[in-house]
Each structure stands twice: as structure tokens, then as C-alpha cells.
Amino acid sequence: QVQLVESGGGLVQPGGSLRLSCAASGILITFYNMGWYRQAPGKQRELVATTLIGGTTNYADSVKGRFTISRDNAKNTMYLQMNSLKPEDTAVYYCHGKLATRDYWGQGTQVNVSS
């Protein structure tokens, strides 16, 4: 059974930092293109960042320079370091893994940025 389990969300003040983790089981993420998505209340789910098999990373313009995506294939875990957080970063953050037609999502972790 494949599971992607996010952790690390919570409440943080504007300007603060959080580090999200996505622990995978049932798959080896070294073979998968991985990414973080988020969905704010009343909005569509949007791409935040991706880390591809070859090492390329991509970011949404709204998070460039503030967020860093990474993966530790030995730990089968992906991360999202989020710095300089803004209220508009408030959302449920989802982990995603894709290999050809195999497509997996985590259950999400809530991030709230508020003073």
C-alpha cells in the first residue's frame, strides 16, 4: 500500500519559517517526480514546487526565493523549507508523487500564517 504522509504544518507568524516533510512508503521516491501543492479555502489546488528525478527543481513565482524543495532518497522523504512566510501562504499543503500513470497524493498538512 502506497502512503505519502505529510508533517510539519502549524501556526506561524508572518516572516516565520516552517519545514514540511513528506514520508513515503510503498514506493521509492528516487524513481518518482515529486512535488508540493497547496489549496487555500475557496481556491483551486495550485503547484508550489517540484523536484524531478534528474534533480531539476521548479517553483511557483509566488514562492521563488522563499521556499526550497529537496528530497532525501535514502530516507525516502521529501521536504519543503518555507521561509519569510506570508498570510497568503495559508493553505493545506499536499505531497504528490508521479511516475508514468502512477499518481499518489498525501492527506495534507495545514499551514496557517497569522499574527
Protein backbone atom coordinates (compact mmCIF):
# COMPACT_ATOMS: atom_id res chain seq x y z
CA GLN A 1 0.00 0.00 0.00
CA VAL A 2 1.36 3.38 -1.01
CA GLN A 3 1.32 6.16 1.54
CA LEU A 4 2.59 9.73 1.41
CA VAL A 5 2.43 11.26 4.88
CA GLU A 6 2.96 14.99 5.35
CA SER A 7 4.03 16.57 8.62
CA GLY A 8 5.42 19.84 9.91
CA GLY A 9 2.47 22.14 9.39
CA GLY A 10 1.17 24.50 12.03
CA LEU A 11 0.62 28.10 13.02
CA VAL A 12 3.40 30.59 12.40
CA GLN A 13 3.66 34.37 12.44
CA PRO A 14 4.32 36.33 9.25
CA GLY A 15 8.04 36.27 8.47
CA GLY A 16 8.47 32.95 10.20
CA SER A 17 9.59 29.58 8.89
CA LEU A 18 8.31 26.03 8.71
CA ARG A 19 9.72 22.83 7.30
CA LEU A 20 7.30 20.34 5.82
CA SER A 21 8.17 16.67 5.38
CA CYS A 22 6.63 14.01 3.16
CA ALA A 23 7.50 10.47 4.18
CA ALA A 24 6.78 7.85 1.53
CA SER A 25 6.10 4.16 1.96
CA GLY A 26 5.21 1.58 -0.66
CA ILE A 27 7.18 3.44 -3.32
CA LEU A 28 10.76 4.57 -3.78
CA ILE A 29 10.70 8.30 -4.42
CA THR A 30 14.05 8.10 -6.21
CA PHE A 31 12.08 6.86 -9.22
CA TYR A 32 9.34 9.48 -8.91
CA ASN A 33 8.88 13.10 -9.84
CA MET A 34 7.75 14.68 -6.59
CA GLY A 35 6.06 17.92 -5.73
CA TRP A 36 4.25 20.08 -3.22
CA TYR A 37 0.85 21.58 -3.93
CA ARG A 38 -1.39 23.75 -1.78
CA GLN A 39 -5.04 24.64 -1.57
CA ALA A 40 -6.36 27.69 0.21
CA PRO A 41 -10.02 27.97 1.27
CA GLY A 42 -12.23 28.71 -1.72
CA LYS A 43 -9.37 28.34 -4.19
CA GLN A 44 -8.14 25.66 -6.54
CA ARG A 45 -5.20 23.46 -5.69
CA GLU A 46 -2.01 25.00 -7.06
CA LEU A 47 1.53 23.85 -7.68
CA VAL A 48 4.10 25.13 -5.19
CA ALA A 49 7.30 23.34 -6.19
CA THR A 50 8.57 20.21 -7.90
CA THR A 51 11.70 18.11 -7.74
CA LEU A 52 12.24 15.90 -10.75
CA ILE A 53 14.11 12.61 -11.00
CA GLY A 54 17.07 14.24 -12.74
CA GLY A 55 17.44 16.84 -9.98
CA THR A 56 15.70 19.80 -11.59
CA THR A 57 13.57 21.90 -9.26
CA ASN A 58 10.80 24.32 -10.20
CA TYR A 59 8.87 26.85 -8.15
CA ALA A 60 5.73 28.89 -8.43
CA ASP A 61 6.56 32.56 -8.89
CA SER A 62 4.82 33.36 -5.61
CA VAL A 63 7.30 31.29 -3.57
CA LYS A 64 10.56 31.74 -5.50
CA GLY A 65 13.37 32.85 -3.23
CA ARG A 66 11.43 31.92 -0.10
CA PHE A 67 10.74 28.18 -0.39
CA THR A 68 13.19 25.37 -1.07
CA ILE A 69 12.18 21.87 -2.12
CA SER A 70 14.50 18.95 -1.53
CA ARG A 71 14.49 15.20 -1.26
CA ASP A 72 16.48 12.60 0.65
CA ASN A 73 16.14 9.42 -1.37
CA ALA A 74 17.93 7.39 1.29
CA LYS A 75 15.24 8.38 3.80
CA ASN A 76 12.52 8.16 1.13
CA THR A 77 11.40 11.62 2.23
CA MET A 78 10.78 14.96 0.53
CA TYR A 79 10.93 18.35 2.23
CA LEU A 80 9.73 21.90 1.76
CA GLN A 81 11.61 24.59 3.66
CA MET A 82 9.40 27.66 3.85
CA ASN A 83 10.93 30.97 4.94
CA SER A 84 9.58 34.51 5.09
CA LEU A 85 6.07 33.17 5.30
CA LYS A 86 3.17 35.44 4.39
CA PRO A 87 -0.52 35.27 5.31
CA GLU A 88 -1.27 34.35 1.70
CA ASP A 89 0.76 31.16 2.16
CA THR A 90 -2.01 29.87 4.43
CA ALA A 91 -3.32 26.63 2.91
CA VAL A 92 -3.38 22.88 3.15
CA TYR A 93 -0.13 21.60 1.67
CA TYR A 94 -0.14 18.30 -0.20
CA CYS A 95 2.66 15.98 -1.20
CA HIS A 96 2.48 14.43 -4.68
CA GLY A 97 4.40 11.69 -6.43
CA LYS A 98 4.14 10.70 -10.10
CA LEU A 99 5.69 8.01 -12.24
CA ALA A 100 4.07 7.46 -15.64
CA THR A 101 0.44 6.58 -14.85
CA ARG A 102 1.11 6.12 -11.14
CA ASP A 103 -0.11 9.18 -9.29
CA TYR A 104 -0.19 9.49 -5.49
CA TRP A 105 -1.27 12.19 -3.05
CA GLY A 106 -0.83 12.66 0.67
CA GLN A 107 -3.62 13.66 3.02
CA GLY A 108 -2.30 17.20 3.50
CA THR A 109 -0.96 19.29 6.34
CA GLN A 110 -2.40 22.65 7.38
CA VAL A 111 -0.20 25.75 7.37
CA ASN A 112 -1.57 28.90 8.97
CA VAL A 113 0.35 32.17 8.76
CA SER A 114 -1.16 34.73 11.09
CA SER A 115 -0.23 37.22 13.75
